[in-house]
Amino acid sequence: MIKVKPRYKSRNEQIVANLRALAGASAPIDPEMLVKRKAAEIAIAMALLHGGDWMTHVDHDAGVVFVTRRPWVEPT
């Protein structure tokens, strides 16, 4: 299961961050982290749509992003 931590500690921090973004004063986003986050968002959406446990793999050298369901392993 993919666990998502809250981005902000409080609602006030979220409001301030949104205001900074609207003003164009937000911090630049690391492109590698952006790709990882977007892949994780797709995995979460797939889990909501189809159920199961989904995983991601980003290969920058090959230029490929995988989002796939984890294989089921029978409990022993």
N, C-alpha and C. Protein backbone atom coordinates (compact mmCIF):
# COMPACT_ATOMS: atom_id res chain seq x y z
N MET A 1 0.84 -1.18 0.00
CA MET A 1 0.00 0.00 0.00
C MET A 1 0.88 1.24 0.00
N ILE A 2 0.53 2.19 -0.78
CA ILE A 2 1.29 3.43 -0.86
C ILE A 2 0.81 4.36 0.24
N LYS A 3 1.75 4.84 1.05
CA LYS A 3 1.41 5.77 2.13
C LYS A 3 1.79 7.18 1.69
N VAL A 4 0.88 8.09 1.88
CA VAL A 4 1.11 9.48 1.51
C VAL A 4 1.13 10.31 2.77
N LYS A 5 2.25 11.01 2.98
CA LYS A 5 2.36 11.89 4.14
C LYS A 5 1.78 13.25 3.78
N PRO A 6 1.17 13.93 4.73
CA PRO A 6 0.69 15.27 4.44
C PRO A 6 1.84 16.19 4.08
N ARG A 7 1.62 17.06 3.12
CA ARG A 7 2.67 17.96 2.67
C ARG A 7 2.92 19.07 3.69
N TYR A 8 1.87 19.48 4.38
CA TYR A 8 1.97 20.60 5.32
C TYR A 8 1.59 20.14 6.71
N LYS A 9 2.20 20.76 7.73
CA LYS A 9 1.93 20.39 9.11
C LYS A 9 0.56 20.87 9.56
N SER A 10 0.11 21.99 9.00
CA SER A 10 -1.18 22.53 9.42
C SER A 10 -1.89 23.15 8.22
N ARG A 11 -3.15 23.44 8.40
CA ARG A 11 -3.94 24.09 7.35
C ARG A 11 -3.38 25.48 7.05
N ASN A 12 -2.90 26.19 8.09
CA ASN A 12 -2.33 27.52 7.87
C ASN A 12 -1.10 27.47 6.97
N GLU A 13 -0.24 26.46 7.17
CA GLU A 13 0.94 26.32 6.31
C GLU A 13 0.52 26.08 4.86
N GLN A 14 -0.54 25.31 4.67
CA GLN A 14 -1.04 25.04 3.32
C GLN A 14 -1.57 26.33 2.68
N ILE A 15 -2.29 27.13 3.43
CA ILE A 15 -2.83 28.38 2.91
C ILE A 15 -1.70 29.33 2.51
N VAL A 16 -0.69 29.45 3.36
CA VAL A 16 0.44 30.33 3.06
C VAL A 16 1.17 29.83 1.81
N ALA A 17 1.38 28.53 1.70
CA ALA A 17 2.05 27.97 0.52
C ALA A 17 1.24 28.23 -0.75
N ASN A 18 -0.08 28.10 -0.67
CA ASN A 18 -0.93 28.39 -1.83
C ASN A 18 -0.84 29.86 -2.23
N LEU A 19 -0.83 30.75 -1.24
CA LEU A 19 -0.71 32.18 -1.54
C LEU A 19 0.64 32.49 -2.18
N ARG A 20 1.70 31.86 -1.69
CA ARG A 20 3.02 32.07 -2.29
C ARG A 20 3.05 31.57 -3.72
N ALA A 21 2.42 30.44 -3.98
CA ALA A 21 2.38 29.89 -5.34
C ALA A 21 1.61 30.80 -6.27
N LEU A 22 0.48 31.33 -5.79
CA LEU A 22 -0.32 32.24 -6.62
C LEU A 22 0.44 33.52 -6.93
N ALA A 23 1.30 33.95 -6.00
CA ALA A 23 2.08 35.17 -6.21
C ALA A 23 3.34 34.91 -7.04
N GLY A 24 3.58 33.64 -7.37
CA GLY A 24 4.77 33.30 -8.13
C GLY A 24 6.03 33.28 -7.29
N ALA A 25 5.88 33.14 -5.98
CA ALA A 25 7.02 33.16 -5.08
C ALA A 25 7.33 31.80 -4.48
N SER A 26 6.78 30.74 -5.05
CA SER A 26 7.04 29.42 -4.48
C SER A 26 8.42 28.92 -4.91
N ALA A 27 8.93 27.99 -4.15
CA ALA A 27 10.26 27.43 -4.44
C ALA A 27 10.19 26.59 -5.71
N PRO A 28 11.28 26.56 -6.47
CA PRO A 28 11.29 25.74 -7.68
C PRO A 28 11.19 24.25 -7.33
N ILE A 29 10.56 23.48 -8.18
CA ILE A 29 10.36 22.06 -7.94
C ILE A 29 11.46 21.28 -8.65
N ASP A 30 12.08 20.35 -7.92
CA ASP A 30 13.09 19.48 -8.50
C ASP A 30 12.40 18.57 -9.52
N PRO A 31 12.83 18.59 -10.79
CA PRO A 31 12.15 17.79 -11.82
C PRO A 31 12.13 16.29 -11.52
N GLU A 32 13.18 15.78 -10.90
CA GLU A 32 13.20 14.34 -10.58
C GLU A 32 12.14 14.00 -9.55
N MET A 33 12.00 14.85 -8.53
CA MET A 33 10.95 14.63 -7.53
C MET A 33 9.56 14.78 -8.13
N LEU A 34 9.41 15.69 -9.07
CA LEU A 34 8.13 15.88 -9.73
C LEU A 34 7.72 14.62 -10.48
N VAL A 35 8.66 14.00 -11.19
CA VAL A 35 8.36 12.76 -11.92
C VAL A 35 7.97 11.65 -10.94
N LYS A 36 8.72 11.52 -9.85
CA LYS A 36 8.39 10.49 -8.86
C LYS A 36 7.01 10.72 -8.26
N ARG A 37 6.70 11.98 -7.97
CA ARG A 37 5.40 12.29 -7.36
C ARG A 37 4.25 12.00 -8.32
N LYS A 38 4.42 12.39 -9.59
CA LYS A 38 3.37 12.15 -10.58
C LYS A 38 3.16 10.65 -10.80
N ALA A 39 4.25 9.87 -10.83
CA ALA A 39 4.13 8.42 -10.98
C ALA A 39 3.38 7.83 -9.77
N ALA A 40 3.69 8.32 -8.58
CA ALA A 40 3.00 7.84 -7.38
C ALA A 40 1.52 8.21 -7.41
N GLU A 41 1.20 9.40 -7.94
CA GLU A 41 -0.21 9.80 -8.05
C GLU A 41 -0.96 8.87 -8.99
N ILE A 42 -0.33 8.46 -10.08
CA ILE A 42 -0.97 7.53 -11.01
C ILE A 42 -1.17 6.18 -10.34
N ALA A 43 -0.17 5.70 -9.58
CA ALA A 43 -0.30 4.43 -8.87
C ALA A 43 -1.46 4.48 -7.87
N ILE A 44 -1.60 5.59 -7.18
CA ILE A 44 -2.71 5.74 -6.23
C ILE A 44 -4.05 5.71 -6.96
N ALA A 45 -4.13 6.42 -8.09
CA ALA A 45 -5.37 6.43 -8.87
C ALA A 45 -5.71 5.03 -9.38
N MET A 46 -4.72 4.28 -9.83
CA MET A 46 -4.94 2.92 -10.31
C MET A 46 -5.44 2.03 -9.17
N ALA A 47 -4.88 2.20 -7.98
CA ALA A 47 -5.34 1.42 -6.83
C ALA A 47 -6.79 1.75 -6.49
N LEU A 48 -7.15 3.02 -6.60
CA LEU A 48 -8.54 3.41 -6.32
C LEU A 48 -9.48 2.86 -7.38
N LEU A 49 -9.05 2.86 -8.63
CA LEU A 49 -9.90 2.37 -9.72
C LEU A 49 -10.02 0.85 -9.75
N HIS A 50 -8.89 0.16 -9.56
CA HIS A 50 -8.85 -1.27 -9.80
C HIS A 50 -8.54 -2.12 -8.57
N GLY A 51 -8.21 -1.46 -7.46
CA GLY A 51 -7.84 -2.20 -6.26
C GLY A 51 -6.44 -2.78 -6.38
N GLY A 52 -5.99 -3.42 -5.34
CA GLY A 52 -4.67 -4.03 -5.36
C GLY A 52 -3.58 -3.08 -4.92
N ASP A 53 -2.37 -3.60 -4.95
CA ASP A 53 -1.19 -2.85 -4.54
C ASP A 53 -0.39 -2.53 -5.79
N TRP A 54 -0.13 -1.27 -6.06
CA TRP A 54 0.55 -0.83 -7.27
C TRP A 54 1.92 -0.28 -6.93
N MET A 55 2.86 -0.43 -7.86
CA MET A 55 4.21 0.07 -7.65
C MET A 55 4.65 0.85 -8.88
N THR A 56 5.68 1.67 -8.70
CA THR A 56 6.21 2.46 -9.80
C THR A 56 7.70 2.20 -9.94
N HIS A 57 8.19 2.43 -11.14
CA HIS A 57 9.63 2.37 -11.40
C HIS A 57 9.95 3.41 -12.46
N VAL A 58 10.89 4.29 -12.16
CA VAL A 58 11.30 5.33 -13.11
C VAL A 58 12.74 5.03 -13.52
N ASP A 59 12.94 4.83 -14.82
CA ASP A 59 14.28 4.59 -15.36
C ASP A 59 14.65 5.77 -16.25
N HIS A 60 15.46 6.67 -15.72
CA HIS A 60 15.82 7.88 -16.46
C HIS A 60 16.73 7.57 -17.64
N ASP A 61 17.56 6.53 -17.52
CA ASP A 61 18.47 6.18 -18.61
C ASP A 61 17.70 5.65 -19.83
N ALA A 62 16.71 4.82 -19.59
CA ALA A 62 15.91 4.25 -20.69
C ALA A 62 14.77 5.17 -21.09
N GLY A 63 14.44 6.14 -20.24
CA GLY A 63 13.33 7.04 -20.54
C GLY A 63 11.99 6.38 -20.40
N VAL A 64 11.85 5.54 -19.35
CA VAL A 64 10.62 4.76 -19.17
C VAL A 64 10.12 4.92 -17.75
N VAL A 65 8.79 5.02 -17.62
CA VAL A 65 8.15 5.01 -16.31
C VAL A 65 7.15 3.86 -16.30
N PHE A 66 7.28 2.97 -15.32
CA PHE A 66 6.36 1.84 -15.18
C PHE A 66 5.45 2.09 -14.00
N VAL A 67 4.17 1.80 -14.18
CA VAL A 67 3.21 1.73 -13.09
C VAL A 67 2.51 0.40 -13.26
N THR A 68 2.73 -0.50 -12.33
CA THR A 68 2.21 -1.85 -12.48
C THR A 68 1.69 -2.38 -11.15
N ARG A 69 0.78 -3.33 -11.25
CA ARG A 69 0.26 -3.97 -10.04
C ARG A 69 1.32 -4.93 -9.51
N ARG A 70 1.48 -4.94 -8.20
CA ARG A 70 2.43 -5.87 -7.60
C ARG A 70 1.88 -7.29 -7.77
N PRO A 71 2.74 -8.23 -8.07
CA PRO A 71 2.25 -9.61 -8.22
C PRO A 71 1.76 -10.16 -6.88
N TRP A 72 0.71 -10.95 -6.95
CA TRP A 72 0.15 -11.56 -5.76
C TRP A 72 1.04 -12.71 -5.36
N VAL A 73 1.40 -12.77 -4.09
CA VAL A 73 2.20 -13.89 -3.56
C VAL A 73 1.34 -14.60 -2.53
N GLU A 74 1.17 -15.90 -2.72
CA GLU A 74 0.39 -16.69 -1.78
C GLU A 74 1.08 -16.71 -0.43
N PRO A 75 0.33 -16.45 0.65
CA PRO A 75 0.92 -16.55 1.99
C PRO A 75 1.32 -18.00 2.28
N THR A 76 2.45 -18.17 2.92
CA THR A 76 2.91 -19.53 3.23
C THR A 76 2.59 -19.93 4.63
